[in-house]
């Protein structure tokens, strides 16, 4: 019984880029790297589908950072309001006691 071969992400990306370039057919690429042509086409498809994520990632990171900054500001405001509320409760109890 044979074991499955595992390929590194770098190898997969290199093969997929070759397939996208169109200089060689999928059959030629598969023969050159000793893999099945269907595997080459699957890696090519994965690369094309996830390519937009590579360019959108920076924007998402920035949005996430902006959201975290806003959350921190809101938590700070909540803390400030809680302190003021406690202070007002304490002062109102002192006023009610004649």
Protein backbone atom coordinates (compact mmCIF):
# COMPACT_ATOMS: atom_id res chain seq x y z
CA UNK A 1 0.00 0.00 0.00
CA UNK A 2 1.40 3.42 -0.93
CA UNK A 3 1.26 6.49 1.23
CA UNK A 4 -0.03 9.84 0.09
CA UNK A 5 2.47 12.47 -0.88
CA UNK A 6 2.11 15.86 0.71
CA UNK A 7 3.24 19.00 -1.05
CA UNK A 8 4.29 22.26 0.53
CA UNK A 9 2.19 25.37 -0.02
CA UNK A 10 5.13 26.91 -1.90
CA UNK A 11 5.22 23.97 -4.33
CA UNK A 12 1.46 24.17 -4.87
CA UNK A 13 1.66 27.91 -5.52
CA UNK A 14 4.53 27.48 -7.97
CA UNK A 15 2.66 24.78 -9.93
CA UNK A 16 -0.56 26.82 -9.92
CA UNK A 17 1.30 29.89 -11.19
CA UNK A 18 2.77 27.83 -14.01
CA UNK A 19 -0.72 26.67 -14.93
CA UNK A 20 -2.06 30.24 -14.87
CA UNK A 21 0.77 31.53 -17.06
CA UNK A 22 -0.40 29.33 -19.92
CA UNK A 23 3.08 28.66 -21.31
CA UNK A 24 2.62 24.92 -20.85
CA UNK A 25 -0.43 22.71 -20.87
CA UNK A 26 -1.75 21.15 -17.69
CA UNK A 27 -0.54 17.79 -18.98
CA UNK A 28 3.01 19.07 -19.44
CA UNK A 29 3.10 20.68 -16.01
CA UNK A 30 1.74 17.53 -14.37
CA UNK A 31 4.30 15.32 -16.12
CA UNK A 32 7.14 17.66 -15.20
CA UNK A 33 6.24 17.60 -11.50
CA UNK A 34 5.03 13.98 -11.37
CA UNK A 35 1.51 14.83 -10.24
CA UNK A 36 -1.93 14.23 -11.74
CA UNK A 37 -3.30 16.86 -14.17
CA UNK A 38 -6.51 17.13 -12.16
CA UNK A 39 -4.43 18.14 -9.13
CA UNK A 40 -2.83 20.91 -11.18
CA UNK A 41 -6.23 22.21 -12.26
CA UNK A 42 -7.52 22.09 -8.66
CA UNK A 43 -4.56 24.10 -7.38
CA UNK A 44 -5.00 26.58 -10.22
CA UNK A 45 -8.68 26.97 -9.33
CA UNK A 46 -7.84 27.47 -5.62
CA UNK A 47 -5.28 30.13 -6.46
CA UNK A 48 -7.67 32.02 -8.71
CA UNK A 49 -10.47 31.88 -6.12
CA UNK A 50 -8.31 33.08 -3.25
CA UNK A 51 -6.33 35.72 -5.15
CA UNK A 52 -8.80 38.48 -4.29
CA UNK A 53 -8.38 37.70 -0.58
CA UNK A 54 -4.68 38.50 -0.82
CA UNK A 55 -5.37 42.06 -1.92
CA UNK A 56 -8.35 42.62 0.37
CA UNK A 57 -6.50 41.44 3.48
CA UNK A 58 -4.85 44.79 4.24
CA UNK A 59 -8.18 46.56 4.16
CA UNK A 60 -9.75 44.02 6.52
CA UNK A 61 -6.83 44.36 8.93
CA UNK A 62 -7.24 48.12 8.94
CA UNK A 63 -10.99 47.85 9.52
CA UNK A 64 -10.37 45.39 12.34
CA UNK A 65 -7.85 47.77 13.91
CA UNK A 66 -10.29 50.68 13.61
CA UNK A 67 -12.99 48.57 15.22
CA UNK A 68 -10.70 47.61 18.11
CA UNK A 69 -9.76 51.26 18.64
CA UNK A 70 -13.44 52.24 18.70
CA UNK A 71 -14.20 49.43 21.16
CA UNK A 72 -11.42 50.61 23.46
CA UNK A 73 -12.81 54.15 23.38
CA UNK A 74 -16.31 52.90 24.16
CA UNK A 75 -15.10 50.76 27.07
CA UNK A 76 -13.23 53.76 28.43
CA UNK A 77 -16.39 55.86 28.18
CA UNK A 78 -18.42 53.12 29.91
CA UNK A 79 -15.90 53.05 32.77
CA UNK A 80 -16.05 56.81 33.12
CA UNK A 81 -19.86 56.80 33.20
CA UNK A 82 -19.91 54.01 35.81
CA UNK A 83 -17.58 56.02 38.04
CA UNK A 84 -19.78 59.10 37.67
CA UNK A 85 -22.90 57.06 38.43
CA UNK A 86 -21.35 55.60 41.58
CA UNK A 87 -20.26 59.06 42.68
CA UNK A 88 -23.76 60.45 42.12
CA UNK A 89 -25.34 57.55 44.02
CA UNK A 90 -23.01 58.18 46.96
CA UNK A 91 -23.73 61.92 46.92
CA UNK A 92 -27.49 61.38 46.69
CA UNK A 93 -27.39 59.13 49.77
CA UNK A 94 -25.56 61.84 51.70
CA UNK A 95 -28.16 64.43 50.70
CA UNK A 96 -31.08 62.15 51.72
CA UNK A 97 -29.67 61.83 55.26
CA UNK A 98 -30.61 64.90 57.24
